[in-house]
N, C-alpha and C. Protein backbone atom coordinates (compact mmCIF):
# COMPACT_ATOMS: atom_id res chain seq x y z
N MET A 1 -19.67 -36.39 -0.99
CA MET A 1 -18.37 -35.98 -1.50
C MET A 1 -18.28 -34.47 -1.60
N SER A 2 -17.08 -33.96 -1.52
CA SER A 2 -16.86 -32.52 -1.61
C SER A 2 -17.26 -32.02 -3.00
N ARG A 3 -18.07 -30.98 -3.03
CA ARG A 3 -18.49 -30.44 -4.32
C ARG A 3 -17.31 -29.81 -5.06
N ILE A 4 -16.41 -29.18 -4.32
CA ILE A 4 -15.24 -28.59 -4.96
C ILE A 4 -14.26 -29.69 -5.35
N GLY A 5 -14.06 -30.68 -4.46
CA GLY A 5 -13.12 -31.76 -4.71
C GLY A 5 -13.49 -32.61 -5.91
N ARG A 6 -14.78 -32.72 -6.21
CA ARG A 6 -15.25 -33.53 -7.34
C ARG A 6 -14.93 -32.90 -8.68
N LYS A 7 -14.79 -31.58 -8.74
CA LYS A 7 -14.58 -30.89 -10.01
C LYS A 7 -13.25 -31.30 -10.63
N VAL A 8 -13.29 -31.50 -11.93
CA VAL A 8 -12.09 -31.87 -12.69
C VAL A 8 -11.35 -30.59 -13.05
N ILE A 9 -10.02 -30.63 -12.96
CA ILE A 9 -9.19 -29.48 -13.33
C ILE A 9 -8.71 -29.70 -14.77
N ALA A 10 -9.10 -28.78 -15.66
CA ALA A 10 -8.67 -28.87 -17.06
C ALA A 10 -7.29 -28.21 -17.19
N LEU A 11 -6.37 -28.92 -17.83
CA LEU A 11 -5.01 -28.39 -18.01
C LEU A 11 -4.93 -27.58 -19.29
N PRO A 12 -4.48 -26.32 -19.22
CA PRO A 12 -4.28 -25.53 -20.43
C PRO A 12 -3.10 -26.07 -21.24
N LYS A 13 -2.98 -25.58 -22.46
CA LYS A 13 -1.90 -26.03 -23.33
C LYS A 13 -0.54 -25.64 -22.74
N GLY A 14 0.39 -26.55 -22.73
CA GLY A 14 1.73 -26.28 -22.22
C GLY A 14 1.92 -26.55 -20.73
N VAL A 15 0.88 -27.00 -20.04
CA VAL A 15 0.98 -27.28 -18.61
C VAL A 15 0.99 -28.79 -18.39
N THR A 16 1.96 -29.25 -17.60
CA THR A 16 2.06 -30.68 -17.28
C THR A 16 2.02 -30.87 -15.77
N VAL A 17 1.41 -31.99 -15.36
CA VAL A 17 1.33 -32.34 -13.94
C VAL A 17 2.05 -33.66 -13.76
N LYS A 18 2.97 -33.69 -12.77
CA LYS A 18 3.73 -34.91 -12.48
C LYS A 18 3.51 -35.26 -11.02
N ILE A 19 3.25 -36.54 -10.76
CA ILE A 19 2.99 -36.99 -9.40
C ILE A 19 4.11 -37.93 -8.98
N ASP A 20 4.83 -37.54 -7.93
CA ASP A 20 5.85 -38.40 -7.33
C ASP A 20 5.19 -39.15 -6.18
N LYS A 21 6.00 -39.76 -5.31
CA LYS A 21 5.44 -40.49 -4.18
C LYS A 21 4.61 -39.59 -3.27
N GLU A 22 5.19 -38.45 -2.87
CA GLU A 22 4.48 -37.58 -1.94
C GLU A 22 4.42 -36.14 -2.42
N ALA A 23 4.73 -35.87 -3.69
CA ALA A 23 4.74 -34.50 -4.18
C ALA A 23 4.00 -34.38 -5.50
N LEU A 24 3.39 -33.23 -5.67
CA LEU A 24 2.68 -32.90 -6.90
C LEU A 24 3.43 -31.74 -7.55
N THR A 25 3.87 -31.90 -8.79
CA THR A 25 4.64 -30.88 -9.48
C THR A 25 3.85 -30.42 -10.70
N VAL A 26 3.65 -29.12 -10.81
CA VAL A 26 2.95 -28.53 -11.95
C VAL A 26 3.95 -27.65 -12.68
N LYS A 27 4.14 -27.91 -13.97
CA LYS A 27 5.12 -27.17 -14.77
C LYS A 27 4.38 -26.51 -15.93
N GLY A 28 4.71 -25.25 -16.19
CA GLY A 28 4.05 -24.52 -17.27
C GLY A 28 4.97 -23.47 -17.86
N PRO A 29 4.43 -22.63 -18.75
CA PRO A 29 5.27 -21.64 -19.42
C PRO A 29 5.85 -20.57 -18.48
N LYS A 30 5.20 -20.29 -17.36
CA LYS A 30 5.69 -19.25 -16.44
C LYS A 30 6.60 -19.80 -15.35
N GLY A 31 6.65 -21.12 -15.16
CA GLY A 31 7.51 -21.67 -14.12
C GLY A 31 7.02 -23.01 -13.63
N GLU A 32 7.49 -23.36 -12.44
CA GLU A 32 7.18 -24.67 -11.86
C GLU A 32 6.83 -24.50 -10.38
N LEU A 33 5.78 -25.20 -9.94
CA LEU A 33 5.37 -25.18 -8.55
C LEU A 33 5.29 -26.61 -8.03
N LYS A 34 5.62 -26.78 -6.76
CA LYS A 34 5.65 -28.10 -6.14
C LYS A 34 4.91 -28.05 -4.82
N ARG A 35 4.14 -29.09 -4.51
CA ARG A 35 3.40 -29.17 -3.25
C ARG A 35 3.42 -30.61 -2.76
N ILE A 36 3.60 -30.76 -1.44
CA ILE A 36 3.56 -32.08 -0.82
C ILE A 36 2.10 -32.50 -0.69
N MET A 37 1.79 -33.72 -1.11
CA MET A 37 0.42 -34.21 -1.04
C MET A 37 0.15 -34.82 0.33
N PRO A 38 -0.99 -34.50 0.94
CA PRO A 38 -1.33 -35.10 2.23
C PRO A 38 -1.70 -36.57 2.08
N ALA A 39 -1.56 -37.32 3.16
CA ALA A 39 -1.91 -38.74 3.14
C ALA A 39 -3.42 -38.89 3.00
N GLY A 40 -3.84 -39.91 2.29
CA GLY A 40 -5.26 -40.18 2.12
C GLY A 40 -5.87 -39.52 0.90
N ILE A 41 -5.09 -38.74 0.16
CA ILE A 41 -5.59 -38.05 -1.03
C ILE A 41 -4.79 -38.55 -2.23
N SER A 42 -5.49 -38.82 -3.34
CA SER A 42 -4.82 -39.30 -4.55
C SER A 42 -5.08 -38.34 -5.70
N VAL A 43 -4.12 -38.25 -6.60
CA VAL A 43 -4.24 -37.40 -7.79
C VAL A 43 -4.06 -38.28 -9.00
N LYS A 44 -4.97 -38.13 -9.96
CA LYS A 44 -4.93 -38.94 -11.18
C LYS A 44 -4.96 -38.00 -12.38
N VAL A 45 -4.02 -38.19 -13.30
CA VAL A 45 -3.96 -37.38 -14.51
C VAL A 45 -4.37 -38.26 -15.68
N ASP A 46 -5.42 -37.83 -16.40
CA ASP A 46 -5.82 -38.58 -17.60
C ASP A 46 -5.99 -37.57 -18.75
N GLY A 47 -5.00 -37.56 -19.64
CA GLY A 47 -5.01 -36.64 -20.77
C GLY A 47 -4.80 -35.21 -20.31
N GLN A 48 -5.78 -34.36 -20.58
CA GLN A 48 -5.69 -32.95 -20.23
C GLN A 48 -6.53 -32.61 -19.00
N ASN A 49 -6.84 -33.60 -18.17
CA ASN A 49 -7.63 -33.39 -16.96
C ASN A 49 -6.93 -33.96 -15.75
N VAL A 50 -7.15 -33.34 -14.60
CA VAL A 50 -6.62 -33.82 -13.33
C VAL A 50 -7.80 -34.07 -12.40
N GLN A 51 -7.85 -35.25 -11.81
CA GLN A 51 -8.92 -35.63 -10.89
C GLN A 51 -8.32 -35.87 -9.52
N ILE A 52 -8.91 -35.25 -8.49
CA ILE A 52 -8.46 -35.43 -7.12
C ILE A 52 -9.45 -36.38 -6.43
N GLY A 53 -8.91 -37.39 -5.74
CA GLY A 53 -9.75 -38.36 -5.04
C GLY A 53 -9.29 -38.54 -3.61
N ARG A 54 -10.11 -39.28 -2.84
CA ARG A 54 -9.73 -39.52 -1.45
C ARG A 54 -9.95 -40.99 -1.12
N ALA A 55 -9.23 -41.45 -0.11
CA ALA A 55 -9.24 -42.87 0.24
C ALA A 55 -10.56 -43.28 0.91
N ASP A 56 -11.06 -42.46 1.83
CA ASP A 56 -12.30 -42.79 2.53
C ASP A 56 -13.04 -41.52 2.89
N ASP A 57 -14.16 -41.65 3.57
CA ASP A 57 -14.98 -40.49 3.92
C ASP A 57 -14.75 -40.00 5.34
N SER A 58 -13.55 -40.17 5.85
CA SER A 58 -13.27 -39.65 7.19
C SER A 58 -13.27 -38.12 7.15
N ARG A 59 -13.52 -37.53 8.29
CA ARG A 59 -13.61 -36.07 8.38
C ARG A 59 -12.33 -35.39 7.88
N GLU A 60 -11.19 -35.97 8.26
CA GLU A 60 -9.89 -35.41 7.88
C GLU A 60 -9.70 -35.45 6.36
N ASN A 61 -10.01 -36.59 5.75
CA ASN A 61 -9.83 -36.72 4.30
C ASN A 61 -10.83 -35.87 3.52
N ARG A 62 -12.02 -35.68 4.05
CA ARG A 62 -13.01 -34.83 3.38
C ARG A 62 -12.51 -33.39 3.33
N SER A 63 -11.92 -32.91 4.44
CA SER A 63 -11.44 -31.53 4.47
C SER A 63 -10.22 -31.34 3.57
N LYS A 64 -9.36 -32.34 3.50
CA LYS A 64 -8.17 -32.25 2.64
C LYS A 64 -8.53 -32.32 1.17
N HIS A 65 -9.61 -33.02 0.83
CA HIS A 65 -9.99 -33.27 -0.56
C HIS A 65 -10.26 -31.96 -1.30
N GLY A 66 -11.16 -31.15 -0.78
CA GLY A 66 -11.49 -29.88 -1.43
C GLY A 66 -10.33 -28.91 -1.40
N MET A 67 -9.58 -28.92 -0.29
CA MET A 67 -8.45 -28.01 -0.16
C MET A 67 -7.38 -28.30 -1.21
N LEU A 68 -7.02 -29.58 -1.38
CA LEU A 68 -5.98 -29.92 -2.35
C LEU A 68 -6.43 -29.62 -3.77
N ARG A 69 -7.72 -29.83 -4.04
CA ARG A 69 -8.24 -29.53 -5.39
C ARG A 69 -8.10 -28.03 -5.67
N ALA A 70 -8.45 -27.19 -4.70
CA ALA A 70 -8.35 -25.74 -4.86
C ALA A 70 -6.89 -25.31 -5.02
N LEU A 71 -6.00 -25.89 -4.21
CA LEU A 71 -4.58 -25.56 -4.30
C LEU A 71 -4.00 -25.99 -5.65
N CYS A 72 -4.41 -27.16 -6.13
CA CYS A 72 -3.93 -27.66 -7.42
C CYS A 72 -4.43 -26.77 -8.56
N ALA A 73 -5.70 -26.35 -8.49
CA ALA A 73 -6.24 -25.44 -9.51
C ALA A 73 -5.49 -24.11 -9.51
N ASN A 74 -5.13 -23.60 -8.33
CA ASN A 74 -4.35 -22.37 -8.24
C ASN A 74 -2.96 -22.55 -8.82
N MET A 75 -2.36 -23.72 -8.61
CA MET A 75 -1.04 -23.99 -9.18
C MET A 75 -1.11 -24.01 -10.70
N VAL A 76 -2.14 -24.64 -11.26
CA VAL A 76 -2.29 -24.73 -12.71
C VAL A 76 -2.49 -23.33 -13.30
N LYS A 77 -3.35 -22.53 -12.67
CA LYS A 77 -3.57 -21.17 -13.16
C LYS A 77 -2.32 -20.32 -13.02
N GLY A 78 -1.58 -20.51 -11.94
CA GLY A 78 -0.37 -19.73 -11.70
C GLY A 78 0.71 -19.97 -12.74
N VAL A 79 0.96 -21.22 -13.09
CA VAL A 79 2.03 -21.51 -14.06
C VAL A 79 1.60 -21.21 -15.49
N SER A 80 0.30 -21.07 -15.74
CA SER A 80 -0.14 -20.75 -17.10
C SER A 80 -0.38 -19.25 -17.28
N GLU A 81 -1.10 -18.61 -16.35
CA GLU A 81 -1.42 -17.19 -16.49
C GLU A 81 -0.68 -16.31 -15.48
N GLY A 82 -0.52 -16.79 -14.26
CA GLY A 82 0.09 -16.01 -13.19
C GLY A 82 -0.99 -15.24 -12.43
N PHE A 83 -0.63 -14.68 -11.28
CA PHE A 83 -1.54 -13.92 -10.45
C PHE A 83 -1.00 -12.51 -10.28
N GLU A 84 -1.91 -11.57 -10.04
CA GLU A 84 -1.53 -10.18 -9.86
C GLU A 84 -2.34 -9.58 -8.71
N ARG A 85 -1.70 -8.73 -7.93
CA ARG A 85 -2.36 -8.05 -6.82
C ARG A 85 -1.95 -6.59 -6.89
N GLN A 86 -2.92 -5.66 -6.76
CA GLN A 86 -2.63 -4.24 -6.86
C GLN A 86 -2.91 -3.56 -5.53
N LEU A 87 -1.96 -2.72 -5.13
CA LEU A 87 -2.09 -1.93 -3.92
C LEU A 87 -2.05 -0.46 -4.31
N GLU A 88 -2.81 0.36 -3.61
CA GLU A 88 -2.87 1.79 -3.89
C GLU A 88 -2.31 2.56 -2.71
N ILE A 89 -1.45 3.54 -3.00
CA ILE A 89 -0.87 4.38 -1.96
C ILE A 89 -1.59 5.73 -1.98
N ASN A 90 -2.16 6.11 -0.84
CA ASN A 90 -2.84 7.40 -0.72
C ASN A 90 -2.17 8.22 0.36
N GLY A 91 -1.89 9.48 0.08
CA GLY A 91 -1.30 10.36 1.08
C GLY A 91 -0.33 11.32 0.42
N VAL A 92 -0.26 12.54 0.94
CA VAL A 92 0.65 13.55 0.41
C VAL A 92 2.08 13.14 0.71
N GLY A 93 2.91 13.04 -0.32
CA GLY A 93 4.31 12.67 -0.15
C GLY A 93 4.54 11.18 -0.03
N TYR A 94 3.49 10.37 -0.08
CA TYR A 94 3.64 8.92 -0.02
C TYR A 94 3.99 8.43 -1.43
N ARG A 95 5.05 7.66 -1.53
CA ARG A 95 5.46 7.14 -2.84
C ARG A 95 6.26 5.86 -2.67
N ALA A 96 6.43 5.15 -3.78
CA ALA A 96 7.19 3.90 -3.76
C ALA A 96 7.99 3.78 -5.05
N GLU A 97 9.08 3.04 -4.98
CA GLU A 97 9.88 2.74 -6.16
C GLU A 97 10.52 1.37 -5.98
N VAL A 98 10.74 0.69 -7.11
CA VAL A 98 11.32 -0.65 -7.09
C VAL A 98 12.79 -0.56 -7.48
N ALA A 99 13.64 -1.22 -6.68
CA ALA A 99 15.07 -1.32 -6.98
C ALA A 99 15.47 -2.78 -6.84
N GLY A 100 15.46 -3.50 -7.94
CA GLY A 100 15.77 -4.94 -7.89
C GLY A 100 14.67 -5.70 -7.17
N GLN A 101 15.01 -6.40 -6.10
CA GLN A 101 14.03 -7.14 -5.31
C GLN A 101 13.66 -6.38 -4.04
N LYS A 102 13.87 -5.06 -4.06
CA LYS A 102 13.52 -4.23 -2.90
C LYS A 102 12.50 -3.19 -3.32
N LEU A 103 11.57 -2.93 -2.41
CA LEU A 103 10.55 -1.91 -2.62
C LEU A 103 10.84 -0.79 -1.63
N ASN A 104 11.28 0.37 -2.15
CA ASN A 104 11.59 1.53 -1.30
C ASN A 104 10.36 2.42 -1.23
N MET A 105 9.91 2.71 0.01
CA MET A 105 8.69 3.50 0.17
C MET A 105 8.91 4.65 1.14
N ALA A 106 8.29 5.79 0.81
CA ALA A 106 8.23 6.93 1.72
C ALA A 106 6.77 7.03 2.16
N LEU A 107 6.50 6.73 3.44
CA LEU A 107 5.12 6.62 3.91
C LEU A 107 4.83 7.53 5.10
N GLY A 108 5.52 8.65 5.19
CA GLY A 108 5.24 9.59 6.26
C GLY A 108 5.96 9.29 7.55
N PHE A 109 6.80 8.27 7.57
CA PHE A 109 7.61 7.99 8.75
C PHE A 109 8.85 8.89 8.71
N SER A 110 9.62 8.90 9.77
CA SER A 110 10.84 9.70 9.81
C SER A 110 11.97 9.05 9.02
N HIS A 111 11.73 7.86 8.49
CA HIS A 111 12.75 7.12 7.75
C HIS A 111 12.09 6.45 6.54
N PRO A 112 12.86 6.19 5.50
CA PRO A 112 12.29 5.44 4.37
C PRO A 112 12.11 3.97 4.76
N VAL A 113 11.10 3.34 4.21
CA VAL A 113 10.82 1.94 4.49
C VAL A 113 11.32 1.11 3.30
N VAL A 114 12.17 0.11 3.58
CA VAL A 114 12.68 -0.78 2.54
C VAL A 114 12.09 -2.15 2.80
N PHE A 115 11.32 -2.65 1.82
CA PHE A 115 10.68 -3.96 1.94
C PHE A 115 11.35 -4.92 0.97
N GLU A 116 11.87 -6.03 1.50
CA GLU A 116 12.53 -7.06 0.70
C GLU A 116 11.47 -7.99 0.12
N LEU A 117 11.38 -8.06 -1.21
CA LEU A 117 10.39 -8.92 -1.87
C LEU A 117 10.91 -10.35 -1.94
N PRO A 118 10.02 -11.35 -1.81
CA PRO A 118 10.43 -12.74 -2.01
C PRO A 118 10.89 -12.95 -3.45
N LYS A 119 11.68 -13.99 -3.68
CA LYS A 119 12.24 -14.24 -5.02
C LYS A 119 11.16 -14.49 -6.07
N SER A 120 10.06 -15.11 -5.66
CA SER A 120 9.02 -15.47 -6.64
C SER A 120 8.05 -14.33 -6.94
N VAL A 121 8.21 -13.17 -6.30
CA VAL A 121 7.29 -12.04 -6.50
C VAL A 121 8.02 -10.91 -7.22
N ALA A 122 7.38 -10.41 -8.29
CA ALA A 122 7.91 -9.26 -9.03
C ALA A 122 7.00 -8.06 -8.75
N ALA A 123 7.58 -6.87 -8.72
CA ALA A 123 6.80 -5.67 -8.43
C ALA A 123 7.13 -4.59 -9.44
N LYS A 124 6.13 -3.76 -9.72
CA LYS A 124 6.35 -2.55 -10.51
C LYS A 124 5.45 -1.47 -9.93
N VAL A 125 5.88 -0.22 -10.10
CA VAL A 125 5.14 0.91 -9.54
C VAL A 125 4.74 1.83 -10.68
N GLU A 126 3.45 2.16 -10.73
CA GLU A 126 2.93 3.12 -11.70
C GLU A 126 2.16 4.19 -10.92
N LYS A 127 2.67 5.41 -10.92
CA LYS A 127 2.10 6.53 -10.17
C LYS A 127 1.93 6.15 -8.70
N ASN A 128 0.70 5.97 -8.21
CA ASN A 128 0.49 5.63 -6.80
C ASN A 128 0.04 4.18 -6.63
N MET A 129 0.34 3.32 -7.61
CA MET A 129 -0.06 1.92 -7.57
C MET A 129 1.17 1.01 -7.49
N ILE A 130 1.11 0.04 -6.60
CA ILE A 130 2.13 -1.02 -6.53
C ILE A 130 1.47 -2.25 -7.12
N ILE A 131 2.06 -2.81 -8.18
CA ILE A 131 1.50 -3.99 -8.84
C ILE A 131 2.44 -5.16 -8.58
N LEU A 132 1.95 -6.14 -7.84
CA LEU A 132 2.72 -7.34 -7.50
C LEU A 132 2.25 -8.48 -8.39
N SER A 133 3.18 -9.30 -8.89
CA SER A 133 2.80 -10.45 -9.70
C SER A 133 3.67 -11.64 -9.33
N SER A 134 3.06 -12.83 -9.41
CA SER A 134 3.75 -14.06 -9.05
C SER A 134 2.98 -15.25 -9.61
N ILE A 135 3.62 -16.42 -9.63
CA ILE A 135 2.92 -17.63 -10.03
C ILE A 135 2.34 -18.35 -8.82
N ASP A 136 2.83 -18.02 -7.62
CA ASP A 136 2.36 -18.66 -6.40
C ASP A 136 1.37 -17.73 -5.69
N ARG A 137 0.10 -18.12 -5.68
CA ARG A 137 -0.95 -17.26 -5.14
C ARG A 137 -0.79 -17.01 -3.64
N ALA A 138 -0.38 -18.02 -2.89
CA ALA A 138 -0.24 -17.89 -1.44
C ALA A 138 0.87 -16.89 -1.08
N VAL A 139 2.01 -17.00 -1.73
CA VAL A 139 3.13 -16.09 -1.46
C VAL A 139 2.77 -14.67 -1.86
N LEU A 140 2.06 -14.52 -2.97
CA LEU A 140 1.64 -13.20 -3.44
C LEU A 140 0.69 -12.53 -2.45
N GLY A 141 -0.29 -13.27 -1.96
CA GLY A 141 -1.24 -12.71 -0.99
C GLY A 141 -0.57 -12.33 0.32
N GLU A 142 0.36 -13.16 0.77
CA GLU A 142 1.08 -12.90 2.01
C GLU A 142 1.96 -11.65 1.87
N THR A 143 2.62 -11.51 0.71
CA THR A 143 3.48 -10.35 0.47
C THR A 143 2.64 -9.07 0.43
N ALA A 144 1.52 -9.11 -0.28
CA ALA A 144 0.64 -7.94 -0.36
C ALA A 144 0.14 -7.54 1.02
N SER A 145 -0.19 -8.53 1.84
CA SER A 145 -0.67 -8.27 3.19
C SER A 145 0.41 -7.62 4.05
N LYS A 146 1.65 -8.09 3.92
CA LYS A 146 2.75 -7.51 4.70
C LYS A 146 3.02 -6.07 4.29
N ILE A 147 2.92 -5.78 2.98
CA ILE A 147 3.14 -4.41 2.51
C ILE A 147 2.02 -3.50 3.03
N ARG A 148 0.79 -3.98 3.00
CA ARG A 148 -0.35 -3.19 3.49
C ARG A 148 -0.20 -2.92 4.99
N ASP A 149 0.32 -3.89 5.74
CA ASP A 149 0.48 -3.75 7.20
C ASP A 149 1.51 -2.69 7.59
N ILE A 150 2.38 -2.29 6.68
CA ILE A 150 3.38 -1.27 7.00
C ILE A 150 2.68 0.05 7.32
N ARG A 151 1.65 0.41 6.52
CA ARG A 151 0.89 1.64 6.76
C ARG A 151 -0.56 1.40 6.31
N PRO A 152 -1.37 0.73 7.18
CA PRO A 152 -2.76 0.48 6.80
C PRO A 152 -3.54 1.79 6.65
N PRO A 153 -4.58 1.80 5.82
CA PRO A 153 -5.33 3.04 5.62
C PRO A 153 -6.06 3.47 6.88
N GLU A 154 -6.05 4.77 7.14
CA GLU A 154 -6.74 5.28 8.33
C GLU A 154 -8.13 5.78 7.91
N PRO A 155 -9.10 5.77 8.83
CA PRO A 155 -10.49 6.01 8.44
C PRO A 155 -10.89 7.47 8.25
N TYR A 156 -10.04 8.43 8.60
CA TYR A 156 -10.44 9.84 8.51
C TYR A 156 -10.13 10.46 7.15
N LYS A 157 -8.90 10.31 6.69
CA LYS A 157 -8.53 10.85 5.38
C LYS A 157 -8.25 9.75 4.36
N GLY A 158 -8.14 8.51 4.80
CA GLY A 158 -7.87 7.40 3.90
C GLY A 158 -6.40 7.26 3.53
N LYS A 159 -5.51 7.92 4.29
CA LYS A 159 -4.08 7.84 4.00
C LYS A 159 -3.56 6.46 4.37
N GLY A 160 -2.66 5.93 3.53
CA GLY A 160 -2.05 4.64 3.80
C GLY A 160 -2.01 3.79 2.55
N ILE A 161 -1.76 2.50 2.73
CA ILE A 161 -1.70 1.54 1.62
C ILE A 161 -2.93 0.65 1.72
N LYS A 162 -3.67 0.55 0.62
CA LYS A 162 -4.86 -0.30 0.59
C LYS A 162 -4.89 -1.11 -0.69
N TYR A 163 -5.66 -2.21 -0.68
CA TYR A 163 -5.89 -2.96 -1.90
C TYR A 163 -6.77 -2.11 -2.81
N VAL A 164 -6.63 -2.24 -4.12
CA VAL A 164 -7.39 -1.42 -5.05
C VAL A 164 -8.89 -1.65 -4.88
N GLU A 165 -9.31 -2.89 -4.68
CA GLU A 165 -10.74 -3.20 -4.57
C GLU A 165 -11.30 -2.96 -3.16
N GLU A 166 -10.45 -2.60 -2.21
CA GLU A 166 -10.87 -2.40 -0.83
C GLU A 166 -11.60 -1.07 -0.68
N VAL A 167 -12.67 -1.08 0.10
CA VAL A 167 -13.42 0.13 0.38
C VAL A 167 -13.19 0.50 1.84
N ILE A 168 -12.72 1.72 2.06
CA ILE A 168 -12.43 2.19 3.42
C ILE A 168 -13.67 2.90 3.96
N GLN A 169 -14.15 2.45 5.11
CA GLN A 169 -15.28 3.12 5.77
C GLN A 169 -14.74 4.41 6.37
N ARG A 170 -15.24 5.54 5.89
CA ARG A 170 -14.74 6.83 6.34
C ARG A 170 -15.53 7.28 7.57
N LYS A 171 -14.81 7.93 8.50
CA LYS A 171 -15.42 8.49 9.71
C LYS A 171 -15.44 10.02 9.60
N VAL A 172 -16.38 10.61 10.26
CA VAL A 172 -16.44 12.07 10.30
C VAL A 172 -15.48 12.53 11.39
N GLY A 173 -14.68 13.55 11.10
CA GLY A 173 -13.74 14.05 12.08
C GLY A 173 -14.40 14.96 13.10
N LYS A 174 -13.59 15.65 13.84
CA LYS A 174 -14.10 16.58 14.85
C LYS A 174 -14.84 17.73 14.18
N THR A 175 -15.89 18.18 14.83
CA THR A 175 -16.58 19.37 14.33
C THR A 175 -16.22 20.53 15.24
N GLY A 176 -15.20 21.27 14.83
CA GLY A 176 -14.73 22.38 15.64
C GLY A 176 -15.63 23.60 15.49
N ALA A 177 -15.23 24.70 16.07
CA ALA A 177 -16.01 25.95 15.98
C ALA A 177 -16.04 26.41 14.54
N ALA A 178 -17.23 26.66 14.03
CA ALA A 178 -17.37 27.02 12.62
C ALA A 178 -17.25 28.46 12.36
């Protein structure tokens, strides 16, 4: 059996899990998330615990078992605590500001870059940091990745947008006449 799939998910206070025919709904203080359940996987709620099971030991069901357990655990954490991702902007004149659901950035291009944020993602800017928060981990990671792709960090001076925990391998530049 899947070692991850076997783990029981403990529900924090205020979080409820509802199972329909083909959908799993997790509701908590920060919001509600819904996911379609794959065939061959069952979800059982007993008290404050959620147990994920599978119909048989076929290769397909084994792979879905651990995946659904991880996705369900992320949903529970998202609706109770939420997720946060931080991006750092490095470069002279590089800056960002939030206007509603739009992120306006000056990144050294000849034009300002306007990035439309998804409805479930909130952003705030503090100095040279973009802080994204959401209850849906997948949407948050995808949004952070798209923002980073606008101006990825370059290896010589480190200019660009990078994740806070990311380490940029620096290269030595040209050695001109001294």
